[in-house]
Protein backbone atom coordinates (compact mmCIF):
# COMPACT_ATOMS: atom_id res chain seq x y z
CA UNK A 1 -25.04 -54.38 140.02
CA UNK A 2 -25.35 -55.48 143.64
CA UNK A 3 -28.69 -55.09 145.36
CA UNK A 4 -28.59 -52.49 148.13
CA UNK A 5 -31.98 -53.57 149.44
CA UNK A 6 -30.93 -57.18 149.90
CA UNK A 7 -27.90 -55.98 151.85
CA UNK A 8 -30.20 -54.06 154.15
CA UNK A 9 -32.33 -57.11 154.92
CA UNK A 10 -30.20 -58.50 157.81
CA UNK A 11 -30.56 -55.22 159.73
CA UNK A 12 -34.04 -56.07 160.98
CA UNK A 13 -36.54 -58.85 161.38
CA UNK A 14 -39.58 -56.60 161.46
CA UNK A 15 -42.46 -56.47 159.02
CA UNK A 16 -41.11 -57.58 155.64
CA UNK A 17 -41.08 -54.79 153.09
CA UNK A 18 -41.72 -55.37 149.41
CA UNK A 19 -38.70 -54.91 147.19
CA UNK A 20 -40.54 -52.58 144.85
CA UNK A 21 -39.77 -48.87 145.23
CA UNK A 22 -43.44 -47.87 145.03
CA UNK A 23 -44.52 -50.13 147.87
CA UNK A 24 -41.70 -48.93 150.10
CA UNK A 25 -42.64 -45.31 149.59
CA UNK A 26 -46.30 -45.97 150.34
CA UNK A 27 -45.70 -48.33 153.29
CA UNK A 28 -47.30 -46.61 156.29
CA UNK A 29 -45.33 -46.90 159.51
CA UNK A 30 -45.42 -43.36 160.87
CA UNK A 31 -41.99 -42.61 159.41
CA UNK A 32 -41.45 -39.36 157.55
CA UNK A 33 -41.27 -40.04 153.85
CA UNK A 34 -38.23 -38.63 152.10
CA UNK A 35 -38.95 -35.22 150.68
CA UNK A 36 -38.73 -34.62 146.94
CA UNK A 37 -35.92 -32.18 147.61
CA UNK A 38 -33.88 -34.88 149.39
CA UNK A 39 -34.45 -37.29 146.50
CA UNK A 40 -33.39 -34.66 143.98
CA UNK A 41 -30.28 -33.85 146.01
CA UNK A 42 -29.28 -37.53 146.10
CA UNK A 43 -29.86 -37.88 142.37
CA UNK A 44 -27.86 -34.75 141.53
CA UNK A 45 -25.00 -35.70 143.86
CA UNK A 46 -24.70 -39.29 142.58
CA UNK A 47 -24.84 -38.17 138.95
CA UNK A 48 -22.03 -35.71 139.63
CA UNK A 49 -20.04 -38.22 141.69
CA UNK A 50 -20.26 -36.13 144.89
CA UNK A 51 -20.46 -38.82 147.56
CA UNK A 52 -19.91 -36.40 150.44
CA UNK A 53 -23.18 -34.61 149.60
CA UNK A 54 -25.01 -37.96 149.56
CA UNK A 55 -23.65 -38.67 153.05
CA UNK A 56 -25.08 -35.35 154.21
CA UNK A 57 -28.57 -36.36 152.99
CA UNK A 58 -28.23 -39.76 154.69
CA UNK A 59 -27.37 -38.08 157.97
CA UNK A 60 -30.24 -35.61 157.83
CA UNK A 61 -32.67 -38.45 157.10
CA UNK A 62 -31.43 -40.62 159.97
CA UNK A 63 -31.45 -37.66 162.39
CA UNK A 64 -35.06 -36.95 161.43
CA UNK A 65 -36.36 -40.51 161.79
CA UNK A 66 -34.44 -41.08 165.02
CA UNK A 67 -36.88 -38.68 166.69
CA UNK A 68 -39.97 -40.60 165.57
CA UNK A 69 -42.12 -42.14 168.29
CA UNK A 70 -41.95 -45.90 168.87
CA UNK A 71 -44.80 -47.70 170.65
CA UNK A 72 -43.94 -50.72 172.81
CA UNK A 73 -46.69 -52.90 174.25
CA UNK A 74 -46.09 -54.78 177.52
CA UNK A 75 -48.49 -57.70 177.67
CA UNK A 76 -48.94 -61.11 179.27
CA UNK A 77 -51.23 -62.77 181.77
CA UNK A 78 -52.77 -60.87 184.63
CA UNK A 79 -50.60 -60.96 187.77
CA UNK A 80 -47.29 -61.54 185.96
CA UNK A 81 -45.88 -58.18 187.09
CA UNK A 82 -46.25 -56.14 183.90
CA UNK A 83 -46.64 -52.79 185.64
CA UNK A 84 -43.75 -53.60 187.98
CA UNK A 85 -41.62 -54.46 184.97
CA UNK A 86 -42.39 -51.10 183.32
CA UNK A 87 -41.26 -49.32 186.50
CA UNK A 88 -38.10 -51.44 186.68
CA UNK A 89 -37.26 -50.82 183.00
CA UNK A 90 -37.61 -47.08 183.66
CA UNK A 91 -35.55 -47.49 186.88
CA UNK A 92 -38.39 -46.00 188.94
CA UNK A 93 -39.49 -47.00 192.42
CA UNK A 94 -43.13 -48.03 192.80
CA UNK A 95 -43.73 -45.14 195.17
CA UNK A 96 -42.55 -42.48 192.71
CA UNK A 97 -45.15 -40.16 191.20
CA UNK A 98 -44.58 -41.16 187.55
CA UNK A 99 -44.57 -44.92 188.24
CA UNK A 100 -47.18 -47.36 186.95
CA UNK A 101 -49.60 -48.42 189.72
CA UNK A 102 -49.06 -51.93 191.09
CA UNK A 103 -50.88 -54.13 193.55
CA UNK A 104 -51.47 -57.65 194.82
CA UNK A 105 -54.78 -57.80 192.97
CA UNK A 106 -55.16 -56.95 189.30
CA UNK A 107 -54.41 -53.21 189.03
CA UNK A 108 -54.36 -52.50 185.29
CA UNK A 109 -57.88 -52.54 183.83
CA UNK A 110 -57.29 -50.21 180.89
CA UNK A 111 -54.27 -49.34 178.76
CA UNK A 112 -51.79 -46.97 180.36
CA UNK A 113 -48.92 -45.15 178.62
CA UNK A 114 -45.56 -44.22 180.13
CA UNK A 115 -42.36 -42.55 178.97
CA UNK A 116 -38.76 -42.66 180.18
CA UNK A 117 -35.72 -40.44 179.68
CA UNK A 118 -33.74 -43.69 179.28
CA UNK A 119 -35.60 -44.24 176.00
CA UNK A 120 -36.46 -40.89 174.37
CA UNK A 121 -39.51 -40.75 172.08
CA UNK A 122 -40.68 -44.18 173.24
CA UNK A 123 -44.12 -44.88 174.69
CA UNK A 124 -44.42 -47.95 176.92
CA UNK A 125 -48.00 -49.24 176.92
CA UNK A 126 -49.07 -51.13 180.00
CA UNK A 127 -51.85 -53.44 178.81
CA UNK A 128 -54.39 -55.28 180.97
CA UNK A 129 -53.35 -58.92 181.16
CA UNK A 130 -54.86 -61.52 178.88
CA UNK A 131 -57.39 -63.33 181.08
CA UNK A 132 -58.41 -60.23 183.00
CA UNK A 133 -61.82 -60.69 181.37
CA UNK A 134 -63.36 -63.61 179.55
CA UNK A 135 -62.77 -62.16 176.10
CA UNK A 136 -61.23 -64.28 173.35
CA UNK A 137 -57.66 -63.75 172.10
CA UNK A 138 -58.99 -62.12 168.92
CA UNK A 139 -61.10 -59.67 170.92
CA UNK A 140 -58.15 -58.94 173.21
CA UNK A 141 -55.88 -58.15 170.25
CA UNK A 142 -58.50 -55.82 168.75
CA UNK A 143 -59.44 -54.15 172.04
CA UNK A 144 -55.78 -53.54 172.94
CA UNK A 145 -55.10 -52.24 169.39
CA UNK A 146 -52.17 -54.58 168.72
CA UNK A 147 -51.76 -53.25 165.19
CA UNK A 148 -50.53 -49.87 166.47
CA UNK A 149 -47.46 -51.18 168.33
CA UNK A 150 -43.97 -51.50 166.88
CA UNK A 151 -42.58 -53.99 169.40
CA UNK A 152 -44.02 -56.24 172.10
CA UNK A 153 -42.69 -57.46 175.44
CA UNK A 154 -44.46 -60.58 176.72
CA UNK A 155 -44.18 -60.81 180.50
CA UNK A 156 -44.24 -64.20 182.26
CA UNK A 157 -43.62 -65.56 185.76
CA UNK A 158 -44.32 -68.85 187.56
CA UNK A 159 -45.16 -70.54 184.25
CA UNK A 160 -45.01 -69.90 180.52
CA UNK A 161 -48.60 -70.76 179.71
CA UNK A 162 -50.58 -71.42 176.55
CA UNK A 163 -51.83 -67.82 176.71
CA UNK A 164 -48.24 -66.61 176.43
CA UNK A 165 -47.67 -68.92 173.46
CA UNK A 166 -50.87 -67.69 171.78
CA UNK A 167 -49.76 -64.08 172.22
CA UNK A 168 -46.34 -64.89 170.75
CA UNK A 169 -47.88 -66.69 167.79
CA UNK A 170 -50.31 -63.83 167.11
CA UNK A 171 -47.53 -61.21 167.26
CA UNK A 172 -45.29 -63.29 165.01
CA UNK A 173 -48.21 -63.61 162.58
CA UNK A 174 -48.37 -59.81 162.42
CA UNK A 175 -44.70 -59.73 161.40
CA UNK A 176 -43.75 -57.80 164.55
CA UNK A 177 -40.78 -58.24 166.84
CA UNK A 178 -41.27 -59.40 170.44
CA UNK A 179 -39.30 -60.36 173.54
CA UNK A 180 -40.16 -62.75 176.34
CA UNK A 181 -39.26 -61.44 179.81
CA UNK A 182 -39.43 -63.62 182.94
CA UNK A 183 -39.85 -61.15 185.78
CA UNK A 184 -39.67 -62.76 189.25
CA UNK A 185 -36.24 -64.35 189.57
CA UNK A 186 -35.93 -63.17 193.18
CA UNK A 187 -38.91 -65.34 194.17
CA UNK A 188 -37.67 -68.26 192.05
CA UNK A 189 -34.23 -68.20 193.68
CA UNK A 190 -35.73 -68.15 197.18
CA UNK A 191 -38.16 -71.04 196.58
CA UNK A 192 -36.21 -73.42 194.33
CA UNK A 193 -33.83 -76.14 195.55
CA UNK A 194 -31.92 -75.98 192.24
CA UNK A 195 -28.70 -74.07 191.78
CA UNK A 196 -29.09 -70.63 190.22
CA UNK A 197 -27.42 -71.80 186.99
CA UNK A 198 -29.65 -74.86 186.66
CA UNK A 199 -32.79 -72.86 187.47
CA UNK A 200 -32.01 -70.22 184.83
CA UNK A 201 -31.36 -72.95 182.26
CA UNK A 202 -34.63 -74.71 183.10
CA UNK A 203 -36.67 -71.51 182.71
CA UNK A 204 -35.05 -70.73 179.35
CA UNK A 205 -35.57 -74.25 178.03
CA UNK A 206 -39.20 -74.37 179.17
CA UNK A 207 -40.02 -71.13 177.30
CA UNK A 208 -38.23 -72.31 174.15
CA UNK A 209 -39.91 -75.74 174.18
CA UNK A 210 -43.40 -74.28 174.56
CA UNK A 211 -42.82 -71.89 171.66
CA UNK A 212 -41.28 -74.57 169.45
CA UNK A 213 -44.27 -76.87 169.94
CA UNK A 214 -46.45 -74.22 168.28
CA UNK A 215 -43.90 -73.45 165.55
CA UNK A 216 -42.93 -70.01 166.90
CA UNK A 217 -39.41 -68.79 166.16
CA UNK A 218 -37.25 -68.33 169.24
CA UNK A 219 -37.37 -64.67 170.37
CA UNK A 220 -34.90 -62.86 172.63
CA UNK A 221 -35.52 -64.15 176.17
CA UNK A 222 -34.54 -62.16 179.26
CA UNK A 223 -34.65 -63.40 182.85
CA UNK A 224 -34.92 -60.57 185.38
CA UNK A 225 -36.16 -59.56 188.80
CA UNK A 226 -38.40 -56.50 188.91
CA UNK A 227 -36.85 -55.77 192.30
CA UNK A 228 -33.34 -55.48 190.80
CA UNK A 229 -33.58 -53.25 187.68
CA UNK A 230 -29.79 -53.14 187.21
CA UNK A 231 -29.06 -56.86 187.65
CA UNK A 232 -29.50 -60.18 185.81
CA UNK A 233 -30.57 -59.67 182.16
CA UNK A 234 -31.78 -56.08 182.56
CA UNK A 235 -28.58 -54.51 181.12
CA UNK A 236 -28.70 -56.89 178.13
CA UNK A 237 -32.40 -56.15 177.66
CA UNK A 238 -31.81 -52.38 177.59
CA UNK A 239 -28.93 -52.70 175.11
CA UNK A 240 -30.98 -54.98 172.84
CA UNK A 241 -33.92 -52.60 173.03
CA UNK A 242 -31.79 -49.60 172.04
CA UNK A 243 -30.50 -51.44 168.96
CA UNK A 244 -33.99 -52.56 167.98
CA UNK A 245 -35.41 -49.05 168.45
CA UNK A 246 -32.83 -47.79 165.97
CA UNK A 247 -33.77 -50.57 163.54
CA UNK A 248 -37.50 -49.88 163.88
CA UNK A 249 -37.06 -46.18 163.22
CA UNK A 250 -34.46 -46.38 160.47
CA UNK A 251 -35.08 -49.57 158.51
CA UNK A 252 -37.94 -48.27 156.34
CA UNK A 253 -36.30 -44.96 155.42
CA UNK A 254 -32.98 -46.70 154.73
CA UNK A 255 -34.69 -49.17 152.39
CA UNK A 256 -36.15 -46.16 150.61
CA UNK A 257 -32.76 -44.47 150.38
CA UNK A 258 -31.17 -47.67 149.09
CA UNK A 259 -33.81 -48.00 146.35
CA UNK A 260 -33.24 -44.41 145.25
CA UNK A 261 -29.44 -44.83 145.18
CA UNK A 262 -29.62 -48.16 143.39
CA UNK A 263 -31.90 -46.79 140.68
CA UNK A 264 -29.75 -43.70 140.11
CA UNK A 265 -26.54 -45.74 139.92
CA UNK A 266 -28.12 -48.24 137.51
CA UNK A 267 -29.37 -45.39 135.31
CA UNK A 268 -25.90 -43.86 135.33
CA UNK A 269 -24.31 -47.20 134.37
CA UNK A 270 -26.76 -47.74 131.50
CA UNK A 271 -26.20 -44.20 130.25
CA UNK A 272 -22.42 -44.65 130.26
CA UNK A 273 -22.69 -48.03 128.52
CA UNK A 274 -24.72 -46.35 125.78
CA UNK A 275 -22.09 -43.66 125.37
CA UNK A 276 -19.28 -46.23 125.30
CA UNK A 277 -20.86 -47.88 122.27
CA UNK A 278 -21.16 -44.63 120.30
CA UNK A 279 -18.46 -42.24 121.55
CA UNK A 280 -14.70 -42.32 122.02
CA UNK A 281 -13.69 -43.55 125.47
CA UNK A 282 -11.06 -40.81 125.66
CA UNK A 283 -13.76 -38.12 125.34
CA UNK A 284 -16.03 -39.72 127.98
CA UNK A 285 -13.31 -40.22 130.59
CA UNK A 286 -11.05 -37.30 129.73
CA UNK A 287 -8.00 -39.52 129.22
CA UNK A 288 -5.41 -39.95 126.45
CA UNK A 289 -5.24 -43.73 126.02
CA UNK A 290 -8.36 -45.91 126.23
CA UNK A 291 -6.18 -49.02 126.60
CA UNK A 292 -4.40 -47.72 129.71
CA UNK A 293 -6.72 -49.59 132.07
CA UNK A 294 -5.10 -48.19 135.20
CA UNK A 295 -5.88 -44.61 134.16
CA UNK A 296 -9.32 -45.66 132.96
CA UNK A 297 -10.11 -47.24 136.33
CA UNK A 298 -9.10 -44.03 138.11
CA UNK A 299 -11.39 -42.06 135.79
CA UNK A 300 -14.37 -44.36 136.40
CA UNK A 301 -13.86 -44.16 140.16
CA UNK A 302 -13.76 -40.37 139.89
CA UNK A 303 -17.03 -40.39 137.91
CA UNK A 304 -18.76 -42.26 140.74
CA UNK A 305 -17.10 -40.36 143.56
CA UNK A 306 -15.20 -43.35 144.95
CA UNK A 307 -11.70 -42.12 144.06
CA UNK A 308 -9.09 -41.95 146.81
CA UNK A 309 -9.56 -38.23 147.52
CA UNK A 310 -13.36 -38.50 147.74
CA UNK A 311 -13.17 -41.51 150.04
CA UNK A 312 -10.77 -39.60 152.30
CA UNK A 313 -13.33 -36.79 152.56
CA UNK A 314 -16.18 -39.21 153.28
CA UNK A 315 -14.12 -41.07 155.90
CA UNK A 316 -13.22 -37.81 157.62
CA UNK A 317 -16.89 -36.80 157.65
CA UNK A 318 -17.88 -40.18 159.14
CA UNK A 319 -15.10 -40.14 161.72
CA UNK A 320 -13.36 -43.21 160.32
CA UNK A 321 -10.46 -44.14 158.03
CA UNK A 322 -10.56 -44.39 154.23
CA UNK A 323 -9.17 -47.94 154.28
CA UNK A 324 -12.47 -49.01 155.91
CA UNK A 325 -14.07 -48.34 152.52
CA UNK A 326 -11.09 -49.36 150.38
CA UNK A 327 -11.04 -52.87 151.85
CA UNK A 328 -14.54 -53.65 150.52
CA UNK A 329 -13.69 -52.43 147.00
CA UNK A 330 -12.78 -54.69 144.11
CA UNK A 331 -11.81 -51.61 142.11
CA UNK A 332 -9.30 -50.12 144.56
CA UNK A 333 -6.57 -50.68 141.93
CA UNK A 334 -6.15 -52.54 138.63
CA UNK A 335 -4.30 -55.53 140.13
CA UNK A 336 -7.00 -56.08 142.78
CA UNK A 337 -9.70 -55.64 140.14
CA UNK A 338 -8.22 -58.25 137.78
CA UNK A 339 -7.41 -60.72 140.54
CA UNK A 340 -10.83 -60.44 142.14
CA UNK A 341 -12.95 -60.75 139.00
CA UNK A 342 -12.57 -63.72 136.64
CA UNK A 343 -13.94 -61.80 133.65
CA UNK A 344 -11.33 -59.07 134.00
CA UNK A 345 -8.66 -61.66 134.70
CA UNK A 346 -9.53 -63.44 131.46
CA UNK A 347 -9.65 -60.22 129.43
CA UNK A 348 -6.21 -59.11 130.64
CA UNK A 349 -4.37 -62.46 130.61
CA UNK A 350 -1.29 -63.15 128.40
CA UNK A 351 -3.17 -65.49 126.06
CA UNK A 352 -5.84 -62.85 125.35
CA UNK A 353 -3.19 -60.18 124.74
CA UNK A 354 -1.38 -62.51 122.34
CA UNK A 355 -4.69 -63.23 120.59
CA UNK A 356 -5.30 -59.51 120.10
CA UNK A 357 -1.78 -58.97 118.83
CA UNK A 358 -2.40 -61.62 116.17
CA UNK A 359 -5.51 -59.78 114.98
CA UNK A 360 -3.48 -56.65 114.40
CA UNK A 361 -2.05 -58.41 111.34
CA UNK A 362 -5.48 -59.14 109.83
CA UNK A 363 -6.53 -55.71 108.52
CA UNK A 364 -10.25 -56.30 107.89
CA UNK A 365 -10.76 -57.81 111.38
CA UNK A 366 -8.35 -55.69 113.38
CA UNK A 367 -10.44 -52.60 114.14
CA UNK A 368 -13.81 -54.32 114.84
CA UNK A 369 -12.25 -56.93 117.13
CA UNK A 370 -10.11 -54.47 119.05
CA UNK A 371 -13.01 -52.02 119.40
CA UNK A 372 -15.35 -54.77 120.67
CA UNK A 373 -12.79 -56.09 123.12
CA UNK A 374 -12.07 -52.59 124.43
CA UNK A 375 -15.81 -52.02 124.90
CA UNK A 376 -16.15 -55.28 126.85
CA UNK A 377 -13.31 -54.40 129.21
CA UNK A 378 -14.60 -50.90 129.85
CA UNK A 379 -18.13 -52.15 130.42
CA UNK A 380 -16.87 -54.62 133.02
CA UNK A 381 -14.77 -52.00 134.83
CA UNK A 382 -17.81 -49.71 134.86
CA UNK A 383 -19.99 -52.45 136.38
CA UNK A 384 -17.45 -53.24 139.10
CA UNK A 385 -16.96 -49.60 140.08
CA UNK A 386 -20.76 -49.21 140.27
CA UNK A 387 -20.99 -52.29 142.53
CA UNK A 388 -18.30 -50.84 144.78
CA UNK A 389 -20.19 -47.55 144.94
CA UNK A 390 -23.35 -49.33 146.07
CA UNK A 391 -21.44 -51.34 148.69
CA UNK A 392 -19.81 -48.20 150.08
CA UNK A 393 -23.16 -46.40 150.22
CA UNK A 394 -24.60 -49.39 152.08
CA UNK A 395 -21.78 -49.27 154.63
CA UNK A 396 -22.30 -45.52 155.11
CA UNK A 397 -26.07 -46.02 155.59
CA UNK A 398 -25.49 -48.62 158.30
CA UNK A 399 -22.88 -46.42 160.01
CA UNK A 400 -25.30 -43.48 160.01
CA UNK A 401 -27.98 -45.66 161.59
CA UNK A 402 -25.68 -47.06 164.28
CA UNK A 403 -24.50 -43.57 165.20
CA UNK A 404 -28.00 -42.46 166.27
């Protein structure tokens, strides 16, 4: 069967999670672990082929984790405008009561925390700049408690120094996501003889080159003016941040959900394969003719809850159309199944049918050969329907996450 966890991987570039179920459950990130009741509900629903009930559990899980607190550290060198940036991100004037204090001299001597209605359940940590005291980078990381933050914003202006690069390298080494934000475009535009386009390009390239020299992967880079919180890259920064906040909150729980679903589906497939080898197909599927592959396919889809009627219900619940799920299915109908899978195509081709017809005239071989061939076809259909079920569940998981 397909691997739901591997499909989840592109959603986030945060701390890598082990692919083992145990390690995912025990991975401590502040997320609520799925309750036993939720796990039992998923297991019961998947065993009974009730996909709509699984969707309900997905939604409740995502709604719960979407309220979890995310900690964002704003760091850089002293004097780069970190406190001003926090005010600009929150669209607050420096004179407002809830704003972070700013000044010409170094203002931030200890960590300060701020919230914003623009980003619910997010704490923005205003850190003293690296270089405020003579402490080493290691001491700075420990003193500022870097391990507690989920995302970092490295603030720079005037130059992207070796201290900025060291911070980026240290954060990357922790497996955490970070942005680089250049904060004083207004001053740059007023003092540079270059065109605005050339100046922006030069700043971007300088940051990238300095990071590349130290082997740091290129992060998202945003060029802004703290005096203009609605202009330049600020809108792009806020949109990127909202997406990443959803990823940070949801990725771990979704990996957990995917592991649970994958295990239950695999167990169901193995159980059905065992029954196929010992019981009559007609009794398992509730059909009349085990060689009517079209009817058999419909029965397998019904067993897994990915029949047309169930997909219509799920699509209605998700506010989309059933064809959104049908288009990713190999098993949407027998023709698509046989054309899209070389094993099924081989087992249903004219030569194979002629071969089986020939065996009907060899009495002592007829029944064993036909029974084995029927088992092989049914096993393959079962595997493909299970794969489609996993793919549909993956699509639903992602849709639930994006809807938060």
